[in-house]
Amino acid sequence: MAATVESRQWFRTVSRTLLDYLALTKPRVMSLLLFTAVGGSFLAARGVPPWQYIVVVLIGGALASGGASALNMWYEEDIDREMHRTDHRPVAGGRIRPLNALIFGIGLNVASFAVFYFFTNVLAASLALAGSALYVVLYTAMLKRTTTQNIVIGGAAGAIPPLVGYAAVLGTLELEAWYLFAIVFFWTPPHFWALSLLIKDDYARAEIPMMPVVAGESATQLQILLYTVLLLPLTVLFYFATTKIGLLYLVSTLALGLVFFALAFKLWRTGERRDTADLYKFSLLYLFLLFIAVMVDTTAF
């Protein structure tokens, strides 16, 4: 009986530890990054890529994204403890030692580079590593604690996955791939600033100079509106930049962009928390549906 109890306790301890290491990789954030990476591979292949490429993009991309997230939690242990949104994270909560998170994050990035290098090409491997470096070094270590433009410049890290997916298939980057990069880059500020409006007090408590904390809510709402205004023509220009997508994409991006703009305009006019939450939720749906349109259009037409 005692042995059975001990084995159950051991199993629960191991399970909790594994779940904590999984949490280090930020699976919810990873899922959207992987989706945009697969979208890039569809665009490069002008349809459904060979299944081997999709598998490599998913595995290599998950390793790179998870490694960058683990390094982010290692570096931000101090501010994560100050924020209600993050104080339960494995490192901040004391369940995983910082050194272990550091080793885990580095190991995942090394594994990602190896997967892309051996199964696709060096360009895809280098881009995956560059995305992690931009997130950990540029955004996390250099910009997040120093400037309100942290998410604007650091947003380049989240725009790398479509390039990785594209390069994995073709081994090169053409103009159309850079359009996907630009779309995600300009989508990031309104998406993240909407979130920062919702948790402004958390950022203020941790002394992080996010836009709402430093410039105020009204200025942030205006910036969100301006970026949605820039995003709409950019997504339309993408239609004219490549022959790989057609009218389905154009109609979809116009409809999605107009809804995004309408929500941003409403938030700018009202400043209501409910409107902020609506914009934040739609921003996630927006990017998902936009890349769905890219994948369907390249495959079906």
C-alpha atoms as a PDB file:
ATOM      1  CA  MET A   1       0.000   0.000   0.000  1.00  0.00           C
ATOM      2  CA  ALA A   2       2.777   2.427   0.949  1.00  0.00           C
ATOM      3  CA  ALA A   3       4.561   1.688  -2.321  1.00  0.00           C
ATOM      4  CA  THR A   4       1.367   2.413  -4.252  1.00  0.00           C
ATOM      5  CA  VAL A   5       0.907   5.752  -2.489  1.00  0.00           C
ATOM      6  CA  GLU A   6       4.529   6.698  -3.146  1.00  0.00           C
ATOM      7  CA  SER A   7       4.239   5.772  -6.811  1.00  0.00           C
ATOM      8  CA  ARG A   8       1.123   7.925  -7.161  1.00  0.00           C
ATOM      9  CA  GLN A   9       2.847  10.832  -5.485  1.00  0.00           C
ATOM     10  CA  TRP A  10       5.861  10.374  -7.762  1.00  0.00           C
ATOM     11  CA  PHE A  11       3.598  10.307 -10.815  1.00  0.00           C
ATOM     12  CA  ARG A  12       1.803  13.493  -9.717  1.00  0.00           C
ATOM     13  CA  THR A  13       5.125  15.251  -9.088  1.00  0.00           C
ATOM     14  CA  VAL A  14       6.498  14.252 -12.494  1.00  0.00           C
ATOM     15  CA  SER A  15       3.248  15.261 -14.201  1.00  0.00           C
ATOM     16  CA  ARG A  16       3.254  18.695 -12.548  1.00  0.00           C
ATOM     17  CA  THR A  17       6.896  19.210 -13.513  1.00  0.00           C
ATOM     18  CA  LEU A  18       6.228  18.255 -17.127  1.00  0.00           C
ATOM     19  CA  LEU A  19       3.249  20.599 -17.240  1.00  0.00           C
ATOM     20  CA  ASP A  20       5.422  23.397 -15.844  1.00  0.00           C
ATOM     21  CA  TYR A  21       8.025  22.849 -18.543  1.00  0.00           C
ATOM     22  CA  LEU A  22       5.239  22.846 -21.109  1.00  0.00           C
ATOM     23  CA  ALA A  23       3.990  26.135 -19.643  1.00  0.00           C
ATOM     24  CA  LEU A  24       7.478  27.599 -20.150  1.00  0.00           C
ATOM     25  CA  THR A  25       6.892  27.318 -23.912  1.00  0.00           C
ATOM     26  CA  LYS A  26       3.685  29.441 -23.844  1.00  0.00           C
ATOM     27  CA  PRO A  27       1.595  27.007 -25.950  1.00  0.00           C
ATOM     28  CA  ARG A  28      -1.198  29.499 -26.680  1.00  0.00           C
ATOM     29  CA  VAL A  29       1.216  32.063 -28.086  1.00  0.00           C
ATOM     30  CA  MET A  30       3.025  29.317 -29.964  1.00  0.00           C
ATOM     31  CA  SER A  31      -0.125  28.107 -31.713  1.00  0.00           C
ATOM     32  CA  LEU A  32      -0.666  31.384 -33.584  1.00  0.00           C
ATOM     33  CA  LEU A  33       3.014  31.665 -34.495  1.00  0.00           C
ATOM     34  CA  LEU A  34       2.987  28.147 -35.909  1.00  0.00           C
ATOM     35  CA  PHE A  35      -0.154  28.891 -37.877  1.00  0.00           C
ATOM     36  CA  THR A  36       1.442  31.892 -39.569  1.00  0.00           C
ATOM     37  CA  ALA A  37       4.550  29.814 -40.307  1.00  0.00           C
ATOM     38  CA  VAL A  38       2.433  27.175 -42.027  1.00  0.00           C
ATOM     39  CA  GLY A  39       0.688  29.974 -43.929  1.00  0.00           C
ATOM     40  CA  GLY A  40       4.069  31.083 -45.220  1.00  0.00           C
ATOM     41  CA  SER A  41       4.823  27.563 -46.421  1.00  0.00           C
ATOM     42  CA  PHE A  42       1.486  27.381 -48.274  1.00  0.00           C
ATOM     43  CA  LEU A  43       2.261  30.642 -50.040  1.00  0.00           C
ATOM     44  CA  ALA A  44       5.711  29.418 -51.052  1.00  0.00           C
ATOM     45  CA  ALA A  45       4.338  26.121 -52.384  1.00  0.00           C
ATOM     46  CA  ARG A  46       1.367  27.794 -54.076  1.00  0.00           C
ATOM     47  CA  GLY A  47      -0.852  25.272 -52.398  1.00  0.00           C
ATOM     48  CA  VAL A  48      -0.427  22.481 -49.884  1.00  0.00           C
ATOM     49  CA  PRO A  49       3.292  21.856 -49.328  1.00  0.00           C
ATOM     50  CA  PRO A  50       4.634  18.296 -49.128  1.00  0.00           C
ATOM     51  CA  TRP A  51       3.688  16.924 -45.731  1.00  0.00           C
ATOM     52  CA  GLN A  52       7.343  16.598 -44.725  1.00  0.00           C
ATOM     53  CA  TYR A  53       7.756  20.378 -44.885  1.00  0.00           C
ATOM     54  CA  ILE A  54       4.676  20.979 -42.768  1.00  0.00           C
ATOM     55  CA  VAL A  55       5.948  18.554 -40.123  1.00  0.00           C
ATOM     56  CA  VAL A  56       9.387  20.205 -40.051  1.00  0.00           C
ATOM     57  CA  VAL A  57       7.885  23.703 -39.870  1.00  0.00           C
ATOM     58  CA  LEU A  58       5.634  22.665 -36.987  1.00  0.00           C
ATOM     59  CA  ILE A  59       8.330  20.834 -35.031  1.00  0.00           C
ATOM     60  CA  GLY A  60      11.143  23.307 -35.705  1.00  0.00           C
ATOM     61  CA  GLY A  61       8.846  26.267 -35.177  1.00  0.00           C
ATOM     62  CA  ALA A  62       7.516  24.866 -31.897  1.00  0.00           C
ATOM     63  CA  LEU A  63      11.059  24.334 -30.634  1.00  0.00           C
ATOM     64  CA  ALA A  64      12.114  27.884 -31.562  1.00  0.00           C
ATOM     65  CA  SER A  65       8.979  29.508 -30.152  1.00  0.00           C
ATOM     66  CA  GLY A  66       9.070  27.411 -26.995  1.00  0.00           C
ATOM     67  CA  GLY A  67      12.754  28.084 -26.473  1.00  0.00           C
ATOM     68  CA  ALA A  68      12.301  31.836 -26.859  1.00  0.00           C
ATOM     69  CA  SER A  69       9.391  31.799 -24.399  1.00  0.00           C
ATOM     70  CA  ALA A  70      11.391  29.832 -21.836  1.00  0.00           C
ATOM     71  CA  LEU A  71      14.255  32.329 -22.100  1.00  0.00           C
ATOM     72  CA  ASN A  72      11.756  35.150 -21.751  1.00  0.00           C
ATOM     73  CA  MET A  73      10.442  33.688 -18.498  1.00  0.00           C
ATOM     74  CA  TRP A  74      13.993  33.134 -17.261  1.00  0.00           C
ATOM     75  CA  TYR A  75      14.941  36.762 -17.888  1.00  0.00           C
ATOM     76  CA  GLU A  76      11.678  38.254 -16.622  1.00  0.00           C
ATOM     77  CA  GLU A  77      11.393  36.329 -13.377  1.00  0.00           C
ATOM     78  CA  ASP A  78      11.454  39.564 -11.373  1.00  0.00           C
ATOM     79  CA  ILE A  79       8.731  41.426 -13.238  1.00  0.00           C
ATOM     80  CA  ASP A  80       6.597  38.294 -13.677  1.00  0.00           C
ATOM     81  CA  ARG A  81       6.350  38.093  -9.884  1.00  0.00           C
ATOM     82  CA  GLU A  82       4.950  41.644  -9.795  1.00  0.00           C
ATOM     83  CA  MET A  83       2.130  41.059 -12.263  1.00  0.00           C
ATOM     84  CA  HIS A  84      -1.094  39.198 -11.455  1.00  0.00           C
ATOM     85  CA  ARG A  85      -1.207  37.933 -15.046  1.00  0.00           C
ATOM     86  CA  THR A  86       2.187  36.241 -14.786  1.00  0.00           C
ATOM     87  CA  ASP A  87       2.946  35.584 -11.109  1.00  0.00           C
ATOM     88  CA  HIS A  88       1.828  31.959 -11.516  1.00  0.00           C
ATOM     89  CA  ARG A  89       4.386  31.190 -14.223  1.00  0.00           C
ATOM     90  CA  PRO A  90       6.781  28.327 -13.420  1.00  0.00           C
ATOM     91  CA  VAL A  91       9.912  30.411 -12.806  1.00  0.00           C
ATOM     92  CA  ALA A  92       8.168  33.326 -11.084  1.00  0.00           C
ATOM     93  CA  GLY A  93       6.205  30.856  -8.956  1.00  0.00           C
ATOM     94  CA  GLY A  94       9.387  29.081  -7.861  1.00  0.00           C
ATOM     95  CA  ARG A  95       8.481  25.711  -9.363  1.00  0.00           C
ATOM     96  CA  ILE A  96      11.316  25.721 -11.918  1.00  0.00           C
ATOM     97  CA  ARG A  97      14.772  27.075 -11.139  1.00  0.00           C
ATOM     98  CA  PRO A  98      15.914  29.973 -13.366  1.00  0.00           C
ATOM     99  CA  LEU A  99      19.030  28.066 -14.429  1.00  0.00           C
ATOM    100  CA  ASN A 100      16.918  25.114 -15.539  1.00  0.00           C
ATOM    101  CA  ALA A 101      14.683  27.422 -17.579  1.00  0.00           C
ATOM    102  CA  LEU A 102      17.773  28.985 -19.167  1.00  0.00           C
ATOM    103  CA  ILE A 103      19.233  25.604 -20.139  1.00  0.00           C
ATOM    104  CA  PHE A 104      15.843  24.404 -21.380  1.00  0.00           C
ATOM    105  CA  GLY A 105      15.363  27.502 -23.547  1.00  0.00           C
ATOM    106  CA  ILE A 106      18.839  27.301 -25.069  1.00  0.00           C
ATOM    107  CA  GLY A 107      18.420  23.589 -25.714  1.00  0.00           C
ATOM    108  CA  LEU A 108      15.129  24.073 -27.544  1.00  0.00           C
ATOM    109  CA  ASN A 109      16.641  26.748 -29.784  1.00  0.00           C
ATOM    110  CA  VAL A 110      19.629  24.565 -30.619  1.00  0.00           C
ATOM    111  CA  ALA A 111      17.253  21.710 -31.444  1.00  0.00           C
ATOM    112  CA  SER A 112      15.166  24.025 -33.643  1.00  0.00           C
ATOM    113  CA  PHE A 113      18.201  25.128 -35.630  1.00  0.00           C
ATOM    114  CA  ALA A 114      19.239  21.500 -36.110  1.00  0.00           C
ATOM    115  CA  VAL A 115      15.782  20.409 -37.283  1.00  0.00           C
ATOM    116  CA  PHE A 116      15.547  23.158 -39.893  1.00  0.00           C
ATOM    117  CA  TYR A 117      19.181  22.832 -40.950  1.00  0.00           C
ATOM    118  CA  PHE A 118      19.136  19.075 -41.520  1.00  0.00           C
ATOM    119  CA  PHE A 119      15.605  18.693 -42.891  1.00  0.00           C
ATOM    120  CA  THR A 120      15.112  21.953 -44.860  1.00  0.00           C
ATOM    121  CA  ASN A 121      17.867  24.529 -45.305  1.00  0.00           C
ATOM    122  CA  VAL A 122      20.194  26.914 -43.502  1.00  0.00           C
ATOM    123  CA  LEU A 123      18.087  29.980 -44.316  1.00  0.00           C
ATOM    124  CA  ALA A 124      15.029  28.613 -42.492  1.00  0.00           C
ATOM    125  CA  ALA A 125      17.249  27.525 -39.587  1.00  0.00           C
ATOM    126  CA  SER A 126      18.880  30.952 -39.356  1.00  0.00           C
ATOM    127  CA  LEU A 127      15.538  32.774 -39.529  1.00  0.00           C
ATOM    128  CA  ALA A 128      14.112  30.651 -36.704  1.00  0.00           C
ATOM    129  CA  LEU A 129      17.141  31.451 -34.573  1.00  0.00           C
ATOM    130  CA  ALA A 130      16.909  35.136 -35.512  1.00  0.00           C
ATOM    131  CA  GLY A 131      13.275  35.216 -34.423  1.00  0.00           C
ATOM    132  CA  SER A 132      14.222  33.886 -30.994  1.00  0.00           C
ATOM    133  CA  ALA A 133      17.096  36.365 -30.713  1.00  0.00           C
ATOM    134  CA  LEU A 134      14.845  39.283 -31.618  1.00  0.00           C
ATOM    135  CA  TYR A 135      12.317  38.265 -28.991  1.00  0.00           C
ATOM    136  CA  VAL A 136      14.757  37.499 -26.182  1.00  0.00           C
ATOM    137  CA  VAL A 137      17.522  40.035 -26.788  1.00  0.00           C
ATOM    138  CA  LEU A 138      15.918  42.938 -28.648  1.00  0.00           C
ATOM    139  CA  TYR A 139      12.433  42.935 -27.131  1.00  0.00           C
ATOM    140  CA  THR A 140      12.800  41.286 -23.718  1.00  0.00           C
ATOM    141  CA  ALA A 141      16.257  42.451 -22.651  1.00  0.00           C
ATOM    142  CA  MET A 142      16.727  45.753 -24.497  1.00  0.00           C
ATOM    143  CA  LEU A 143      13.353  47.391 -25.212  1.00  0.00           C
ATOM    144  CA  LYS A 144      10.593  46.168 -22.905  1.00  0.00           C
ATOM    145  CA  ARG A 145      11.826  48.004 -19.808  1.00  0.00           C
ATOM    146  CA  THR A 146      13.071  51.122 -21.589  1.00  0.00           C
ATOM    147  CA  THR A 147      10.625  52.460 -24.222  1.00  0.00           C
ATOM    148  CA  THR A 148       6.950  52.691 -25.089  1.00  0.00           C
ATOM    149  CA  GLN A 149       7.895  51.571 -28.598  1.00  0.00           C
ATOM    150  CA  ASN A 150       9.018  48.187 -27.263  1.00  0.00           C
ATOM    151  CA  ILE A 151       6.250  46.214 -28.935  1.00  0.00           C
ATOM    152  CA  VAL A 152       6.530  48.132 -32.213  1.00  0.00           C
ATOM    153  CA  ILE A 153      10.210  47.352 -32.752  1.00  0.00           C
ATOM    154  CA  GLY A 154      10.171  44.064 -30.904  1.00  0.00           C
ATOM    155  CA  GLY A 155       7.146  42.989 -32.914  1.00  0.00           C
ATOM    156  CA  ALA A 156       9.550  41.959 -35.656  1.00  0.00           C
ATOM    157  CA  ALA A 157      10.151  38.761 -33.682  1.00  0.00           C
ATOM    158  CA  GLY A 158       6.535  37.666 -34.037  1.00  0.00           C
ATOM    159  CA  ALA A 159       6.612  38.471 -37.764  1.00  0.00           C
ATOM    160  CA  ILE A 160       9.471  36.053 -38.481  1.00  0.00           C
ATOM    161  CA  PRO A 161       7.498  32.732 -38.549  1.00  0.00           C
ATOM    162  CA  PRO A 162       5.900  33.322 -42.006  1.00  0.00           C
ATOM    163  CA  LEU A 163       9.415  33.902 -43.357  1.00  0.00           C
ATOM    164  CA  VAL A 164      10.576  30.663 -41.756  1.00  0.00           C
ATOM    165  CA  GLY A 165       7.727  28.687 -43.308  1.00  0.00           C
ATOM    166  CA  TYR A 166       8.335  30.268 -46.712  1.00  0.00           C
ATOM    167  CA  ALA A 167      12.094  29.718 -46.615  1.00  0.00           C
ATOM    168  CA  ALA A 168      11.675  26.109 -45.477  1.00  0.00           C
ATOM    169  CA  VAL A 169       9.878  25.302 -48.736  1.00  0.00           C
ATOM    170  CA  LEU A 170      11.777  27.433 -51.278  1.00  0.00           C
ATOM    171  CA  GLY A 171      15.111  28.082 -49.585  1.00  0.00           C
ATOM    172  CA  THR A 172      14.821  31.772 -50.445  1.00  0.00           C
ATOM    173  CA  LEU A 173      12.690  34.833 -49.617  1.00  0.00           C
ATOM    174  CA  GLU A 174      10.746  36.672 -52.291  1.00  0.00           C
ATOM    175  CA  LEU A 175       8.797  39.928 -52.008  1.00  0.00           C
ATOM    176  CA  GLU A 176       5.531  38.165 -51.219  1.00  0.00           C
ATOM    177  CA  ALA A 177       7.101  36.596 -48.124  1.00  0.00           C
ATOM    178  CA  TRP A 178       8.101  40.025 -46.868  1.00  0.00           C
ATOM    179  CA  TYR A 179       4.502  41.170 -47.272  1.00  0.00           C
ATOM    180  CA  LEU A 180       3.447  38.485 -44.790  1.00  0.00           C
ATOM    181  CA  PHE A 181       6.185  39.714 -42.474  1.00  0.00           C
ATOM    182  CA  ALA A 182       4.942  43.310 -42.794  1.00  0.00           C
ATOM    183  CA  ILE A 183       1.314  42.340 -42.202  1.00  0.00           C
ATOM    184  CA  VAL A 184       2.126  40.583 -38.919  1.00  0.00           C
ATOM    185  CA  PHE A 185       4.499  43.409 -37.970  1.00  0.00           C
ATOM    186  CA  PHE A 186       1.808  46.095 -38.347  1.00  0.00           C
ATOM    187  CA  TRP A 187      -0.852  43.866 -36.774  1.00  0.00           C
ATOM    188  CA  THR A 188       1.185  43.395 -33.592  1.00  0.00           C
ATOM    189  CA  PRO A 189       0.929  46.914 -32.041  1.00  0.00           C
ATOM    190  CA  PRO A 190      -2.885  47.218 -32.106  1.00  0.00           C
ATOM    191  CA  HIS A 191      -3.203  43.641 -30.895  1.00  0.00           C
ATOM    192  CA  PHE A 192      -0.715  43.998 -28.040  1.00  0.00           C
ATOM    193  CA  TRP A 193      -1.702  47.532 -27.062  1.00  0.00           C
ATOM    194  CA  ALA A 194      -5.299  46.333 -26.666  1.00  0.00           C
ATOM    195  CA  LEU A 195      -4.005  43.723 -24.242  1.00  0.00           C
ATOM    196  CA  SER A 196      -1.854  46.290 -22.448  1.00  0.00           C
ATOM    197  CA  LEU A 197      -4.920  48.499 -21.973  1.00  0.00           C
ATOM    198  CA  LEU A 198      -6.687  45.597 -20.287  1.00  0.00           C
ATOM    199  CA  ILE A 199      -3.791  44.921 -17.881  1.00  0.00           C
ATOM    200  CA  LYS A 200      -2.413  48.451 -17.554  1.00  0.00           C
ATOM    201  CA  ASP A 201      -2.299  48.240 -13.755  1.00  0.00           C
ATOM    202  CA  ASP A 202      -0.144  45.120 -13.951  1.00  0.00           C
ATOM    203  CA  TYR A 203       2.391  46.877 -16.167  1.00  0.00           C
ATOM    204  CA  ALA A 204       2.368  49.929 -13.921  1.00  0.00           C
ATOM    205  CA  ARG A 205       2.997  47.764 -10.853  1.00  0.00           C
ATOM    206  CA  ALA A 206       5.976  46.135 -12.571  1.00  0.00           C
ATOM    207  CA  GLU A 207       7.193  49.537 -13.847  1.00  0.00           C
ATOM    208  CA  ILE A 208       7.077  48.446 -17.488  1.00  0.00           C
ATOM    209  CA  PRO A 209       6.720  51.499 -19.795  1.00  0.00           C
ATOM    210  CA  MET A 210       3.930  50.176 -21.965  1.00  0.00           C
ATOM    211  CA  MET A 211       2.088  52.794 -23.987  1.00  0.00           C
ATOM    212  CA  PRO A 212      -1.011  53.059 -21.726  1.00  0.00           C
ATOM    213  CA  VAL A 213       1.171  53.459 -18.611  1.00  0.00           C
ATOM    214  CA  VAL A 214       3.356  56.234 -20.021  1.00  0.00           C
ATOM    215  CA  ALA A 215       1.239  58.005 -22.657  1.00  0.00           C
ATOM    216  CA  GLY A 216      -2.211  57.256 -21.257  1.00  0.00           C
ATOM    217  CA  GLU A 217      -5.209  55.333 -22.523  1.00  0.00           C
ATOM    218  CA  SER A 218      -6.434  57.939 -25.019  1.00  0.00           C
ATOM    219  CA  ALA A 219      -3.066  58.151 -26.765  1.00  0.00           C
ATOM    220  CA  THR A 220      -2.876  54.348 -26.918  1.00  0.00           C
ATOM    221  CA  GLN A 221      -6.366  54.100 -28.392  1.00  0.00           C
ATOM    222  CA  LEU A 222      -5.381  56.613 -31.070  1.00  0.00           C
ATOM    223  CA  GLN A 223      -2.227  54.654 -31.891  1.00  0.00           C
ATOM    224  CA  ILE A 224      -4.309  51.489 -32.215  1.00  0.00           C
ATOM    225  CA  LEU A 225      -6.592  53.261 -34.670  1.00  0.00           C
ATOM    226  CA  LEU A 226      -3.682  54.582 -36.739  1.00  0.00           C
ATOM    227  CA  TYR A 227      -2.093  51.160 -37.045  1.00  0.00           C
ATOM    228  CA  THR A 228      -5.371  49.582 -38.178  1.00  0.00           C
ATOM    229  CA  VAL A 229      -5.603  52.332 -40.812  1.00  0.00           C
ATOM    230  CA  LEU A 230      -2.112  51.396 -42.045  1.00  0.00           C
ATOM    231  CA  LEU A 231      -2.841  47.672 -41.934  1.00  0.00           C
ATOM    232  CA  LEU A 232      -5.813  47.726 -44.325  1.00  0.00           C
ATOM    233  CA  PRO A 233      -4.026  49.115 -47.435  1.00  0.00           C
ATOM    234  CA  LEU A 234      -1.003  46.953 -46.686  1.00  0.00           C
ATOM    235  CA  THR A 235      -3.065  43.772 -46.802  1.00  0.00           C
ATOM    236  CA  VAL A 236      -4.716  44.945 -50.027  1.00  0.00           C
ATOM    237  CA  LEU A 237      -1.346  45.731 -51.631  1.00  0.00           C
ATOM    238  CA  PHE A 238      -0.310  42.160 -50.919  1.00  0.00           C
ATOM    239  CA  TYR A 239      -2.991  41.023 -53.380  1.00  0.00           C
ATOM    240  CA  PHE A 240      -1.298  43.012 -56.149  1.00  0.00           C
ATOM    241  CA  ALA A 241       2.208  41.897 -55.177  1.00  0.00           C
ATOM    242  CA  THR A 242       1.778  38.218 -56.008  1.00  0.00           C
ATOM    243  CA  THR A 243      -0.050  36.025 -58.490  1.00  0.00           C
ATOM    244  CA  LYS A 244      -0.422  33.255 -55.915  1.00  0.00           C
ATOM    245  CA  ILE A 245      -3.539  34.677 -54.280  1.00  0.00           C
ATOM    246  CA  GLY A 246      -6.822  35.803 -55.774  1.00  0.00           C
ATOM    247  CA  LEU A 247     -10.188  37.381 -55.133  1.00  0.00           C
ATOM    248  CA  LEU A 248     -11.048  35.198 -52.148  1.00  0.00           C
ATOM    249  CA  TYR A 249      -8.128  36.692 -50.265  1.00  0.00           C
ATOM    250  CA  LEU A 250      -8.940  40.230 -51.447  1.00  0.00           C
ATOM    251  CA  VAL A 251     -12.581  40.049 -50.354  1.00  0.00           C
ATOM    252  CA  SER A 252     -11.614  38.432 -47.053  1.00  0.00           C
ATOM    253  CA  THR A 253      -8.935  40.971 -46.199  1.00  0.00           C
ATOM    254  CA  LEU A 254     -11.210  43.899 -47.054  1.00  0.00           C
ATOM    255  CA  ALA A 255     -13.995  42.535 -44.846  1.00  0.00           C
ATOM    256  CA  LEU A 256     -11.661  41.679 -41.972  1.00  0.00           C
ATOM    257  CA  GLY A 257      -9.824  44.989 -42.234  1.00  0.00           C
ATOM    258  CA  LEU A 258     -13.012  47.027 -42.178  1.00  0.00           C
ATOM    259  CA  VAL A 259     -14.261  45.196 -39.075  1.00  0.00           C
ATOM    260  CA  PHE A 260     -10.865  45.701 -37.408  1.00  0.00           C
ATOM    261  CA  PHE A 261     -10.987  49.405 -38.253  1.00  0.00           C
ATOM    262  CA  ALA A 262     -14.584  49.742 -37.028  1.00  0.00           C
ATOM    263  CA  LEU A 263     -13.694  48.175 -33.673  1.00  0.00           C
ATOM    264  CA  ALA A 264     -10.611  50.385 -33.336  1.00  0.00           C
ATOM    265  CA  PHE A 265     -12.645  53.467 -34.210  1.00  0.00           C
ATOM    266  CA  LYS A 266     -15.312  52.541 -31.672  1.00  0.00           C
ATOM    267  CA  LEU A 267     -12.654  52.069 -28.990  1.00  0.00           C
ATOM    268  CA  TRP A 268     -11.117  55.454 -29.840  1.00  0.00           C
ATOM    269  CA  ARG A 269     -14.529  57.098 -29.528  1.00  0.00           C
ATOM    270  CA  THR A 270     -15.733  55.383 -26.343  1.00  0.00           C
ATOM    271  CA  GLY A 271     -12.630  54.203 -24.469  1.00  0.00           C
ATOM    272  CA  GLU A 272     -14.760  51.487 -22.873  1.00  0.00           C
ATOM    273  CA  ARG A 273     -13.078  48.402 -21.423  1.00  0.00           C
ATOM    274  CA  ARG A 274     -15.653  46.201 -23.131  1.00  0.00           C
ATOM    275  CA  ASP A 275     -14.681  47.666 -26.499  1.00  0.00           C
ATOM    276  CA  THR A 276     -11.013  47.062 -25.685  1.00  0.00           C
ATOM    277  CA  ALA A 277     -11.738  43.415 -24.953  1.00  0.00           C
ATOM    278  CA  ASP A 278     -13.745  43.090 -28.179  1.00  0.00           C
ATOM    279  CA  LEU A 279     -10.868  44.540 -30.191  1.00  0.00           C
ATOM    280  CA  TYR A 280      -8.309  42.284 -28.522  1.00  0.00           C
ATOM    281  CA  LYS A 281     -10.343  39.144 -29.166  1.00  0.00           C
ATOM    282  CA  PHE A 282     -11.037  40.100 -32.764  1.00  0.00           C
ATOM    283  CA  SER A 283      -7.374  40.871 -33.419  1.00  0.00           C
ATOM    284  CA  LEU A 284      -6.581  37.205 -32.723  1.00  0.00           C
ATOM    285  CA  LEU A 285      -9.397  36.049 -34.979  1.00  0.00           C
ATOM    286  CA  TYR A 286      -8.318  38.561 -37.644  1.00  0.00           C
ATOM    287  CA  LEU A 287      -4.833  37.138 -38.100  1.00  0.00           C
ATOM    288  CA  PHE A 288      -6.093  33.565 -38.001  1.00  0.00           C
ATOM    289  CA  LEU A 289      -8.733  34.206 -40.682  1.00  0.00           C
ATOM    290  CA  LEU A 290      -6.357  36.258 -42.828  1.00  0.00           C
ATOM    291  CA  PHE A 291      -3.894  33.381 -43.018  1.00  0.00           C
ATOM    292  CA  ILE A 292      -6.754  30.939 -43.602  1.00  0.00           C
ATOM    293  CA  ALA A 293      -7.662  33.058 -46.631  1.00  0.00           C
ATOM    294  CA  VAL A 294      -4.065  32.922 -47.873  1.00  0.00           C
ATOM    295  CA  MET A 295      -3.902  29.138 -47.510  1.00  0.00           C
ATOM    296  CA  VAL A 296      -7.301  28.455 -49.061  1.00  0.00           C
ATOM    297  CA  ASP A 297      -6.714  30.873 -51.953  1.00  0.00           C
ATOM    298  CA  THR A 298      -3.312  29.421 -52.828  1.00  0.00           C
ATOM    299  CA  THR A 299      -4.742  25.899 -52.698  1.00  0.00           C
ATOM    300  CA  ALA A 300      -8.141  26.194 -54.324  1.00  0.00           C
ATOM    301  CA  PHE A 301      -7.598  28.746 -57.075  1.00  0.00           C
END
